[in-house]
Amino acid sequence: MTTQPLEDLRQTLAADGYILQIDESGDRLDARIRAEDGVCGDCLVPKNLMAAMISNATGTAADAIDITYPTEIGDDGQLV
């Protein structure tokens, strides 16, 4: 799934040092946001606002988007 609004959101996050990865699982989206080295892992908007932005970019209902923030992902890429 690649749409221009989603790419625009990815680029916006990347400008601040964040990497957005989205995977589809049935009718849900799994959005993981990682922070590059030296970037604040706690400095993103609240999850409900991020879900609304991802919803607008993908057309998926906000309540069908699972979001994982950098502080919830370990160095090995697994959830902590």
N, C-alpha and C. Protein backbone atom coordinates (compact mmCIF):
# COMPACT_ATOMS: atom_id res chain seq x y z
N MET A 1 0.84 -1.16 0.00
CA MET A 1 0.00 0.00 0.00
C MET A 1 0.89 1.24 0.00
N THR A 2 0.91 1.92 -1.11
CA THR A 2 1.67 3.16 -1.19
C THR A 2 0.79 4.20 -1.87
N THR A 3 0.49 5.24 -1.15
CA THR A 3 -0.28 6.34 -1.70
C THR A 3 0.50 7.63 -1.46
N GLN A 4 0.23 8.64 -2.24
CA GLN A 4 0.95 9.90 -2.07
C GLN A 4 0.74 10.50 -0.68
N PRO A 5 -0.50 10.52 -0.15
CA PRO A 5 -0.65 11.07 1.20
C PRO A 5 0.17 10.30 2.25
N LEU A 6 0.27 8.98 2.09
CA LEU A 6 1.07 8.19 3.02
C LEU A 6 2.55 8.51 2.85
N GLU A 7 3.00 8.64 1.61
CA GLU A 7 4.40 9.01 1.38
C GLU A 7 4.70 10.39 1.94
N ASP A 8 3.75 11.31 1.81
CA ASP A 8 3.92 12.65 2.38
C ASP A 8 4.08 12.58 3.89
N LEU A 9 3.26 11.75 4.55
CA LEU A 9 3.36 11.58 6.00
C LEU A 9 4.71 10.97 6.37
N ARG A 10 5.14 9.96 5.61
CA ARG A 10 6.45 9.36 5.87
C ARG A 10 7.57 10.40 5.76
N GLN A 11 7.49 11.23 4.74
CA GLN A 11 8.52 12.25 4.54
C GLN A 11 8.50 13.29 5.65
N THR A 12 7.31 13.65 6.10
CA THR A 12 7.19 14.60 7.21
C THR A 12 7.83 14.04 8.47
N LEU A 13 7.54 12.78 8.78
CA LEU A 13 8.14 12.14 9.95
C LEU A 13 9.65 11.99 9.77
N ALA A 14 10.08 11.63 8.58
CA ALA A 14 11.51 11.44 8.30
C ALA A 14 12.28 12.74 8.48
N ALA A 15 11.66 13.86 8.16
CA ALA A 15 12.33 15.15 8.33
C ALA A 15 12.68 15.41 9.79
N ASP A 16 11.94 14.79 10.70
CA ASP A 16 12.21 14.93 12.13
C ASP A 16 12.96 13.73 12.71
N GLY A 17 13.36 12.80 11.85
CA GLY A 17 14.16 11.66 12.31
C GLY A 17 13.38 10.42 12.66
N TYR A 18 12.16 10.29 12.16
CA TYR A 18 11.33 9.12 12.45
C TYR A 18 11.10 8.30 11.19
N ILE A 19 11.00 7.00 11.36
CA ILE A 19 10.78 6.07 10.26
C ILE A 19 9.44 5.38 10.49
N LEU A 20 8.52 5.53 9.53
CA LEU A 20 7.19 4.94 9.63
C LEU A 20 7.12 3.69 8.77
N GLN A 21 6.76 2.58 9.40
CA GLN A 21 6.55 1.31 8.69
C GLN A 21 5.11 0.89 8.93
N ILE A 22 4.41 0.56 7.86
CA ILE A 22 3.02 0.13 7.98
C ILE A 22 2.85 -1.23 7.32
N ASP A 23 2.24 -2.15 8.04
CA ASP A 23 1.92 -3.47 7.53
C ASP A 23 0.42 -3.69 7.65
N GLU A 24 -0.15 -4.32 6.63
CA GLU A 24 -1.57 -4.64 6.65
C GLU A 24 -1.75 -6.04 7.21
N SER A 25 -2.74 -6.19 8.05
CA SER A 25 -3.09 -7.49 8.60
C SER A 25 -4.61 -7.59 8.58
N GLY A 26 -5.14 -8.18 7.52
CA GLY A 26 -6.59 -8.24 7.37
C GLY A 26 -7.15 -6.85 7.17
N ASP A 27 -8.07 -6.46 8.05
CA ASP A 27 -8.67 -5.13 7.94
C ASP A 27 -8.03 -4.13 8.90
N ARG A 28 -6.86 -4.50 9.46
CA ARG A 28 -6.16 -3.62 10.39
C ARG A 28 -4.81 -3.22 9.82
N LEU A 29 -4.31 -2.10 10.29
CA LEU A 29 -2.97 -1.65 9.95
C LEU A 29 -2.11 -1.67 11.20
N ASP A 30 -0.89 -2.13 11.05
CA ASP A 30 0.09 -2.09 12.13
C ASP A 30 1.11 -1.03 11.75
N ALA A 31 1.11 0.08 12.47
CA ALA A 31 2.03 1.19 12.21
C ALA A 31 3.09 1.22 13.29
N ARG A 32 4.35 1.10 12.85
CA ARG A 32 5.47 1.17 13.79
C ARG A 32 6.31 2.38 13.42
N ILE A 33 6.60 3.17 14.42
CA ILE A 33 7.42 4.35 14.20
C ILE A 33 8.70 4.19 15.02
N ARG A 34 9.82 4.23 14.33
CA ARG A 34 11.12 4.15 14.98
C ARG A 34 11.81 5.50 14.92
N ALA A 35 12.64 5.77 15.89
CA ALA A 35 13.40 7.02 15.92
C ALA A 35 14.85 6.73 15.53
N GLU A 36 15.40 7.59 14.70
CA GLU A 36 16.81 7.47 14.35
C GLU A 36 17.64 7.79 15.59
N ASP A 37 18.90 7.39 15.57
CA ASP A 37 19.80 7.63 16.69
C ASP A 37 19.80 9.11 17.06
N GLY A 38 19.66 9.39 18.35
CA GLY A 38 19.70 10.75 18.85
C GLY A 38 18.39 11.51 18.76
N VAL A 39 17.34 10.87 18.25
CA VAL A 39 16.04 11.52 18.11
C VAL A 39 15.15 11.12 19.30
N CYS A 40 14.43 12.07 19.84
CA CYS A 40 13.57 11.84 21.00
C CYS A 40 12.49 10.81 20.68
N GLY A 41 12.45 9.73 21.44
CA GLY A 41 11.44 8.70 21.25
C GLY A 41 10.09 9.04 21.85
N ASP A 42 10.05 10.07 22.68
CA ASP A 42 8.81 10.48 23.36
C ASP A 42 8.21 11.76 22.79
N CYS A 43 8.75 12.26 21.69
CA CYS A 43 8.37 13.59 21.22
C CYS A 43 7.35 13.59 20.08
N LEU A 44 6.62 12.53 19.93
CA LEU A 44 5.58 12.46 18.90
C LEU A 44 4.24 12.89 19.49
N VAL A 45 3.29 13.20 18.61
CA VAL A 45 1.95 13.56 19.05
C VAL A 45 1.30 12.36 19.74
N PRO A 46 0.25 12.58 20.53
CA PRO A 46 -0.45 11.44 21.13
C PRO A 46 -0.93 10.46 20.06
N LYS A 47 -1.03 9.21 20.45
CA LYS A 47 -1.39 8.16 19.48
C LYS A 47 -2.71 8.40 18.78
N ASN A 48 -3.68 8.97 19.46
CA ASN A 48 -4.97 9.20 18.79
C ASN A 48 -4.83 10.21 17.65
N LEU A 49 -3.96 11.20 17.81
CA LEU A 49 -3.72 12.15 16.72
C LEU A 49 -2.93 11.50 15.58
N MET A 50 -1.94 10.67 15.94
CA MET A 50 -1.18 9.97 14.90
C MET A 50 -2.10 9.03 14.14
N ALA A 51 -3.01 8.35 14.85
CA ALA A 51 -3.95 7.45 14.19
C ALA A 51 -4.83 8.23 13.20
N ALA A 52 -5.24 9.42 13.57
CA ALA A 52 -6.05 10.25 12.67
C ALA A 52 -5.25 10.64 11.44
N MET A 53 -3.98 10.97 11.60
CA MET A 53 -3.14 11.34 10.46
C MET A 53 -2.93 10.13 9.53
N ILE A 54 -2.68 8.97 10.11
CA ILE A 54 -2.50 7.77 9.30
C ILE A 54 -3.81 7.39 8.62
N SER A 55 -4.91 7.56 9.33
CA SER A 55 -6.23 7.29 8.76
C SER A 55 -6.47 8.17 7.54
N ASN A 56 -6.18 9.46 7.67
CA ASN A 56 -6.35 10.38 6.54
C ASN A 56 -5.47 10.00 5.36
N ALA A 57 -4.29 9.48 5.64
CA ALA A 57 -3.35 9.13 4.58
C ALA A 57 -3.65 7.80 3.91
N THR A 58 -4.35 6.91 4.62
CA THR A 58 -4.57 5.56 4.09
C THR A 58 -6.02 5.24 3.80
N GLY A 59 -6.95 5.98 4.40
CA GLY A 59 -8.36 5.66 4.24
C GLY A 59 -8.84 4.58 5.19
N THR A 60 -7.98 4.13 6.08
CA THR A 60 -8.34 3.13 7.09
C THR A 60 -8.89 3.85 8.32
N ALA A 61 -9.93 3.31 8.90
CA ALA A 61 -10.51 3.92 10.10
C ALA A 61 -9.46 3.99 11.20
N ALA A 62 -9.43 5.08 11.92
CA ALA A 62 -8.43 5.29 12.97
C ALA A 62 -8.46 4.19 14.02
N ASP A 63 -9.65 3.66 14.33
CA ASP A 63 -9.73 2.61 15.35
C ASP A 63 -9.30 1.24 14.83
N ALA A 64 -8.91 1.16 13.55
CA ALA A 64 -8.38 -0.08 12.98
C ALA A 64 -6.87 0.02 12.75
N ILE A 65 -6.25 1.00 13.41
CA ILE A 65 -4.80 1.21 13.27
C ILE A 65 -4.14 0.99 14.62
N ASP A 66 -3.23 0.03 14.66
CA ASP A 66 -2.44 -0.23 15.87
C ASP A 66 -1.11 0.49 15.72
N ILE A 67 -0.76 1.31 16.70
CA ILE A 67 0.45 2.13 16.60
C ILE A 67 1.43 1.73 17.68
N THR A 68 2.68 1.59 17.27
CA THR A 68 3.77 1.34 18.20
C THR A 68 4.77 2.48 18.06
N TYR A 69 5.10 3.12 19.17
CA TYR A 69 6.02 4.25 19.18
C TYR A 69 7.44 3.79 19.50
N PRO A 70 8.44 4.64 19.24
CA PRO A 70 9.84 4.24 19.43
C PRO A 70 10.17 3.72 20.82
N THR A 71 9.56 4.28 21.85
CA THR A 71 9.87 3.84 23.21
C THR A 71 9.33 2.44 23.51
N GLU A 72 8.48 1.92 22.62
CA GLU A 72 7.91 0.60 22.78
C GLU A 72 8.63 -0.47 21.96
N ILE A 73 9.67 -0.05 21.23
CA ILE A 73 10.43 -0.96 20.37
C ILE A 73 11.86 -1.01 20.88
N GLY A 74 12.34 -2.23 21.13
CA GLY A 74 13.71 -2.40 21.60
C GLY A 74 14.71 -2.28 20.47
N ASP A 75 15.98 -2.30 20.81
CA ASP A 75 17.05 -2.22 19.81
C ASP A 75 17.00 -3.35 18.82
N ASP A 76 16.41 -4.47 19.23
CA ASP A 76 16.32 -5.62 18.34
C ASP A 76 15.08 -5.57 17.44
N GLY A 77 14.31 -4.47 17.53
CA GLY A 77 13.11 -4.32 16.70
C GLY A 77 11.87 -4.97 17.28
N GLN A 78 12.00 -5.63 18.42
CA GLN A 78 10.87 -6.31 19.06
C GLN A 78 10.22 -5.39 20.07
N LEU A 79 8.94 -5.66 20.36
CA LEU A 79 8.24 -4.88 21.36
C LEU A 79 8.84 -5.12 22.74
N VAL A 80 8.93 -4.05 23.52
CA VAL A 80 9.47 -4.19 24.88
C VAL A 80 8.36 -4.30 25.89
